[in-house]
Structure formats: structure tokens, C-alpha cells
PDB file of all heavy atoms in Angstrom:
ATOM      1  N   SER A   1      -2.433  -2.534  -2.829  1.00  0.00           N
ATOM      2  CA  SER A   1      -2.673  -2.097  -4.212  1.00  0.00           C
ATOM      3  C   SER A   1      -3.509  -0.810  -4.283  1.00  0.00           C
ATOM      4  O   SER A   1      -3.684  -0.240  -5.363  1.00  0.00           O
ATOM      5  CB  SER A   1      -3.386  -3.199  -5.003  1.00  0.00           C
ATOM      6  OG  SER A   1      -4.652  -3.479  -4.409  1.00  0.00           O
ATOM      7  N   LEU A   2      -4.015  -0.348  -3.127  1.00  0.00           N
ATOM      8  CA  LEU A   2      -4.862   0.845  -3.116  1.00  0.00           C
ATOM      9  C   LEU A   2      -4.024   2.119  -3.167  1.00  0.00           C
ATOM     10  O   LEU A   2      -2.925   2.177  -2.606  1.00  0.00           O
ATOM     11  CB  LEU A   2      -5.743   0.866  -1.860  1.00  0.00           C
ATOM     12  CG  LEU A   2      -6.731  -0.293  -1.693  1.00  0.00           C
ATOM     13  CD1 LEU A   2      -7.527  -0.116  -0.404  1.00  0.00           C
ATOM     14  CD2 LEU A   2      -7.684  -0.380  -2.885  1.00  0.00           C
ATOM     15  N   ASP A   3      -4.571   3.129  -3.815  1.00  0.00           N
ATOM     16  CA  ASP A   3      -3.876   4.405  -3.945  1.00  0.00           C
ATOM     17  C   ASP A   3      -3.682   5.057  -2.572  1.00  0.00           C
ATOM     18  O   ASP A   3      -4.650   5.227  -1.824  1.00  0.00           O
ATOM     19  CB  ASP A   3      -4.696   5.334  -4.853  1.00  0.00           C
ATOM     20  CG  ASP A   3      -3.951   6.610  -5.177  1.00  0.00           C
ATOM     21  OD1 ASP A   3      -2.725   6.549  -5.348  1.00  0.00           O
ATOM     22  OD2 ASP A   3      -4.597   7.671  -5.230  1.00  0.00           O
ATOM     23  N   GLY A   4      -2.451   5.380  -2.234  1.00  0.00           N
ATOM     24  CA  GLY A   4      -2.159   6.052  -0.971  1.00  0.00           C
ATOM     25  C   GLY A   4      -2.007   5.137   0.222  1.00  0.00           C
ATOM     26  O   GLY A   4      -1.804   5.603   1.349  1.00  0.00           O
ATOM     27  N   ALA A   5      -2.116   3.830   0.005  1.00  0.00           N
ATOM     28  CA  ALA A   5      -2.023   2.868   1.113  1.00  0.00           C
ATOM     29  C   ALA A   5      -0.688   2.997   1.839  1.00  0.00           C
ATOM     30  O   ALA A   5       0.353   3.268   1.224  1.00  0.00           O
ATOM     31  CB  ALA A   5      -2.195   1.445   0.596  1.00  0.00           C
ATOM     32  N   VAL A   6      -0.732   2.811   3.158  1.00  0.00           N
ATOM     33  CA  VAL A   6       0.468   2.981   3.981  1.00  0.00           C
ATOM     34  C   VAL A   6       0.886   1.626   4.559  1.00  0.00           C
ATOM     35  O   VAL A   6       0.188   1.058   5.397  1.00  0.00           O
ATOM     36  CB  VAL A   6       0.210   3.968   5.140  1.00  0.00           C
ATOM     37  CG1 VAL A   6       1.473   4.141   5.972  1.00  0.00           C
ATOM     38  CG2 VAL A   6      -0.269   5.305   4.609  1.00  0.00           C
ATOM     39  N   PRO A   7       2.049   1.073   4.133  1.00  0.00           N
ATOM     40  CA  PRO A   7       2.505  -0.206   4.685  1.00  0.00           C
ATOM     41  C   PRO A   7       3.025  -0.034   6.109  1.00  0.00           C
ATOM     42  O   PRO A   7       3.459   1.058   6.500  1.00  0.00           O
ATOM     43  CB  PRO A   7       3.632  -0.617   3.737  1.00  0.00           C
ATOM     44  CG  PRO A   7       4.156   0.678   3.195  1.00  0.00           C
ATOM     45  CD  PRO A   7       2.962   1.606   3.114  1.00  0.00           C
ATOM     46  N   ILE A   8       2.942  -1.115   6.890  1.00  0.00           N
ATOM     47  CA  ILE A   8       3.462  -1.100   8.266  1.00  0.00           C
ATOM     48  C   ILE A   8       4.570  -2.142   8.358  1.00  0.00           C
ATOM     49  O   ILE A   8       4.315  -3.349   8.323  1.00  0.00           O
ATOM     50  CB  ILE A   8       2.346  -1.426   9.283  1.00  0.00           C
ATOM     51  CG1 ILE A   8       1.214  -0.392   9.177  1.00  0.00           C
ATOM     52  CG2 ILE A   8       2.918  -1.457  10.707  1.00  0.00           C
ATOM     53  CD1 ILE A   8       0.000  -0.712  10.034  1.00  0.00           C
ATOM     54  N   PRO A   9       5.830  -1.708   8.449  1.00  0.00           N
ATOM     55  CA  PRO A   9       6.947  -2.666   8.459  1.00  0.00           C
ATOM     56  C   PRO A   9       7.016  -3.437   9.769  1.00  0.00           C
ATOM     57  O   PRO A   9       6.488  -2.995  10.803  1.00  0.00           O
ATOM     58  CB  PRO A   9       8.177  -1.774   8.288  1.00  0.00           C
ATOM     59  CG  PRO A   9       7.755  -0.455   8.867  1.00  0.00           C
ATOM     60  CD  PRO A   9       6.287  -0.320   8.563  1.00  0.00           C
ATOM     61  N   LEU A  10       7.663  -4.587   9.724  1.00  0.00           N
ATOM     62  CA  LEU A  10       7.969  -5.330  10.950  1.00  0.00           C
ATOM     63  C   LEU A  10       9.147  -4.655  11.634  1.00  0.00           C
ATOM     64  O   LEU A  10       9.962  -3.998  10.977  1.00  0.00           O
ATOM     65  CB  LEU A  10       8.333  -6.777  10.611  1.00  0.00           C
ATOM     66  CG  LEU A  10       7.182  -7.688  10.169  1.00  0.00           C
ATOM     67  CD1 LEU A  10       7.727  -8.918   9.475  1.00  0.00           C
ATOM     68  CD2 LEU A  10       6.329  -8.090  11.362  1.00  0.00           C
ATOM     69  N   GLU A  11       9.235  -4.815  12.942  1.00  0.00           N
ATOM     70  CA  GLU A  11      10.409  -4.301  13.661  1.00  0.00           C
ATOM     71  C   GLU A  11      11.588  -5.210  13.343  1.00  0.00           C
ATOM     72  O   GLU A  11      11.543  -6.402  13.629  1.00  0.00           O
ATOM     73  CB  GLU A  11      10.146  -4.294  15.175  1.00  0.00           C
ATOM     74  CG  GLU A  11       9.207  -3.197  15.625  1.00  0.00           C
ATOM     75  CD  GLU A  11       9.030  -3.183  17.136  1.00  0.00           C
ATOM     76  OE1 GLU A  11       9.921  -2.665  17.826  1.00  0.00           O
ATOM     77  OE2 GLU A  11       8.005  -3.711  17.608  1.00  0.00           O
ATOM     78  N   SER A  12      12.601  -4.657  12.732  1.00  0.00           N
ATOM     79  CA  SER A  12      13.737  -5.488  12.312  1.00  0.00           C
ATOM     80  C   SER A  12      14.837  -5.531  13.365  1.00  0.00           C
ATOM     81  O   SER A  12      15.810  -6.254  13.224  1.00  0.00           O
ATOM     82  CB  SER A  12      14.299  -4.979  10.986  1.00  0.00           C
ATOM     83  OG  SER A  12      14.669  -3.622  11.107  1.00  0.00           O
ATOM     84  N   GLY A  13      14.684  -4.742  14.396  1.00  0.00           N
ATOM     85  CA  GLY A  13      15.694  -4.738  15.444  1.00  0.00           C
ATOM     86  C   GLY A  13      15.177  -3.983  16.647  1.00  0.00           C
ATOM     87  O   GLY A  13      13.989  -3.758  16.775  1.00  0.00           O
ATOM     88  N   SER A  14      16.066  -3.594  17.527  1.00  0.00           N
ATOM     89  CA  SER A  14      15.642  -2.844  18.703  1.00  0.00           C
ATOM     90  C   SER A  14      16.127  -1.410  18.569  1.00  0.00           C
ATOM     91  O   SER A  14      16.751  -1.036  17.592  1.00  0.00           O
ATOM     92  CB  SER A  14      16.211  -3.501  19.976  1.00  0.00           C
ATOM     93  OG  SER A  14      17.621  -3.574  19.882  1.00  0.00           O
ATOM     94  N   GLY A  15      15.812  -0.614  19.554  1.00  0.00           N
ATOM     95  CA  GLY A  15      16.269   0.770  19.521  1.00  0.00           C
ATOM     96  C   GLY A  15      15.113   1.729  19.329  1.00  0.00           C
ATOM     97  O   GLY A  15      14.113   1.403  18.689  1.00  0.00           O
ATOM     98  N   GLU A  16      15.274   2.904  19.899  1.00  0.00           N
ATOM     99  CA  GLU A  16      14.220   3.908  19.900  1.00  0.00           C
ATOM    100  C   GLU A  16      13.879   4.377  18.487  1.00  0.00           C
ATOM    101  O   GLU A  16      12.708   4.576  18.145  1.00  0.00           O
ATOM    102  CB  GLU A  16      14.678   5.105  20.752  1.00  0.00           C
ATOM    103  CG  GLU A  16      13.571   6.080  21.104  1.00  0.00           C
ATOM    104  CD  GLU A  16      12.502   5.477  22.009  1.00  0.00           C
ATOM    105  OE1 GLU A  16      12.826   4.535  22.778  1.00  0.00           O
ATOM    106  OE2 GLU A  16      11.343   5.929  21.933  1.00  0.00           O
ATOM    107  N   GLU A  17      14.905   4.533  17.662  1.00  0.00           N
ATOM    108  CA  GLU A  17      14.678   5.027  16.307  1.00  0.00           C
ATOM    109  C   GLU A  17      13.843   4.053  15.491  1.00  0.00           C
ATOM    110  O   GLU A  17      12.923   4.444  14.761  1.00  0.00           O
ATOM    111  CB  GLU A  17      16.038   5.262  15.621  1.00  0.00           C
ATOM    112  CG  GLU A  17      15.942   6.161  14.400  1.00  0.00           C
ATOM    113  CD  GLU A  17      17.328   6.509  13.852  1.00  0.00           C
ATOM    114  OE1 GLU A  17      18.185   6.976  14.623  1.00  0.00           O
ATOM    115  OE2 GLU A  17      17.512   6.286  12.647  1.00  0.00           O
ATOM    116  N   GLU A  18      14.165   2.764  15.636  1.00  0.00           N
ATOM    117  CA  GLU A  18      13.427   1.712  14.930  1.00  0.00           C
ATOM    118  C   GLU A  18      11.968   1.687  15.373  1.00  0.00           C
ATOM    119  O   GLU A  18      11.052   1.592  14.564  1.00  0.00           O
ATOM    120  CB  GLU A  18      14.093   0.359  15.201  1.00  0.00           C
ATOM    121  CG  GLU A  18      13.297  -0.854  14.739  1.00  0.00           C
ATOM    122  CD  GLU A  18      13.269  -1.009  13.233  1.00  0.00           C
ATOM    123  OE1 GLU A  18      13.949  -0.238  12.530  1.00  0.00           O
ATOM    124  OE2 GLU A  18      12.548  -1.898  12.765  1.00  0.00           O
ATOM    125  N   LEU A  19      11.747   1.780  16.687  1.00  0.00           N
ATOM    126  CA  LEU A  19      10.396   1.767  17.240  1.00  0.00           C
ATOM    127  C   LEU A  19       9.588   2.950  16.715  1.00  0.00           C
ATOM    128  O   LEU A  19       8.429   2.796  16.311  1.00  0.00           O
ATOM    129  CB  LEU A  19      10.462   1.812  18.773  1.00  0.00           C
ATOM    130  CG  LEU A  19       9.121   1.891  19.511  1.00  0.00           C
ATOM    131  CD1 LEU A  19       8.264   0.680  19.197  1.00  0.00           C
ATOM    132  CD2 LEU A  19       9.354   1.995  21.023  1.00  0.00           C
ATOM    133  N   GLU A  20      10.215   4.129  16.691  1.00  0.00           N
ATOM    134  CA  GLU A  20       9.519   5.322  16.213  1.00  0.00           C
ATOM    135  C   GLU A  20       9.140   5.185  14.737  1.00  0.00           C
ATOM    136  O   GLU A  20       8.083   5.669  14.302  1.00  0.00           O
ATOM    137  CB  GLU A  20      10.387   6.567  16.415  1.00  0.00           C
ATOM    138  CG  GLU A  20      10.401   7.079  17.839  1.00  0.00           C
ATOM    139  CD  GLU A  20       9.011   7.455  18.346  1.00  0.00           C
ATOM    140  OE1 GLU A  20       8.254   8.131  17.617  1.00  0.00           O
ATOM    141  OE2 GLU A  20       8.673   7.053  19.468  1.00  0.00           O
ATOM    142  N   ARG A  21       9.980   4.534  13.967  1.00  0.00           N
ATOM    143  CA  ARG A  21       9.709   4.336  12.527  1.00  0.00           C
ATOM    144  C   ARG A  21       8.443   3.497  12.339  1.00  0.00           C
ATOM    145  O   ARG A  21       7.580   3.807  11.508  1.00  0.00           O
ATOM    146  CB  ARG A  21      10.916   3.658  11.871  1.00  0.00           C
ATOM    147  CG  ARG A  21      10.786   3.471  10.363  1.00  0.00           C
ATOM    148  CD  ARG A  21      12.087   2.912   9.801  1.00  0.00           C
ATOM    149  NE  ARG A  21      12.287   1.529  10.195  1.00  0.00           N
ATOM    150  CZ  ARG A  21      11.870   0.472   9.479  1.00  0.00           C
ATOM    151  NH1 ARG A  21      11.232   0.674   8.332  1.00  0.00           N
ATOM    152  NH2 ARG A  21      12.101  -0.750   9.889  1.00  0.00           N
ATOM    153  N   VAL A  22       8.319   2.422  13.134  1.00  0.00           N
ATOM    154  CA  VAL A  22       7.160   1.540  13.012  1.00  0.00           C
ATOM    155  C   VAL A  22       5.902   2.245  13.533  1.00  0.00           C
ATOM    156  O   VAL A  22       4.840   2.182  12.909  1.00  0.00           O
ATOM    157  CB  VAL A  22       7.399   0.216  13.771  1.00  0.00           C
ATOM    158  CG1 VAL A  22       6.170  -0.684  13.683  1.00  0.00           C
ATOM    159  CG2 VAL A  22       8.609  -0.519  13.209  1.00  0.00           C
ATOM    160  N   ILE A  23       6.034   2.920  14.678  1.00  0.00           N
ATOM    161  CA  ILE A  23       4.881   3.632  15.239  1.00  0.00           C
ATOM    162  C   ILE A  23       4.387   4.693  14.263  1.00  0.00           C
ATOM    163  O   ILE A  23       3.175   4.853  14.053  1.00  0.00           O
ATOM    164  CB  ILE A  23       5.231   4.248  16.610  1.00  0.00           C
ATOM    165  CG1 ILE A  23       5.317   3.151  17.670  1.00  0.00           C
ATOM    166  CG2 ILE A  23       4.200   5.310  17.008  1.00  0.00           C
ATOM    167  CD1 ILE A  23       5.721   3.627  19.051  1.00  0.00           C
ATOM    168  N   GLN A  24       5.334   5.412  13.624  1.00  0.00           N
ATOM    169  CA  GLN A  24       4.944   6.432  12.639  1.00  0.00           C
ATOM    170  C   GLN A  24       4.144   5.800  11.499  1.00  0.00           C
ATOM    171  O   GLN A  24       3.155   6.384  11.022  1.00  0.00           O
ATOM    172  CB  GLN A  24       6.178   7.139  12.080  1.00  0.00           C
ATOM    173  CG  GLN A  24       5.856   8.272  11.109  1.00  0.00           C
ATOM    174  CD  GLN A  24       5.073   9.399  11.766  1.00  0.00           C
ATOM    175  OE1 GLN A  24       5.476   9.918  12.797  1.00  0.00           O
ATOM    176  NE2 GLN A  24       3.941   9.775  11.171  1.00  0.00           N
ATOM    177  N   ALA A  25       4.550   4.605  11.060  1.00  0.00           N
ATOM    178  CA  ALA A  25       3.840   3.917   9.981  1.00  0.00           C
ATOM    179  C   ALA A  25       2.423   3.548  10.421  1.00  0.00           C
ATOM    180  O   ALA A  25       1.468   3.682   9.643  1.00  0.00           O
ATOM    181  CB  ALA A  25       4.612   2.662   9.560  1.00  0.00           C
TER     182      ALA A  25
END
């Protein structure tokens, strides 16, 4: 609920692109 807060998604699958998305978060 905080202004500018950054959510961190769960890894929904495998693969380099997916991993990079979570690490970026």
C-alpha cells in the first residue's frame, strides 16, 4: 500500500528470462 512499493513475483516457471524478471524485481 506504500507509494512506490515494488512487488516481487513468484517464479512461475523456468527459463533465463523468467529468472531475470524476478531478480530485477
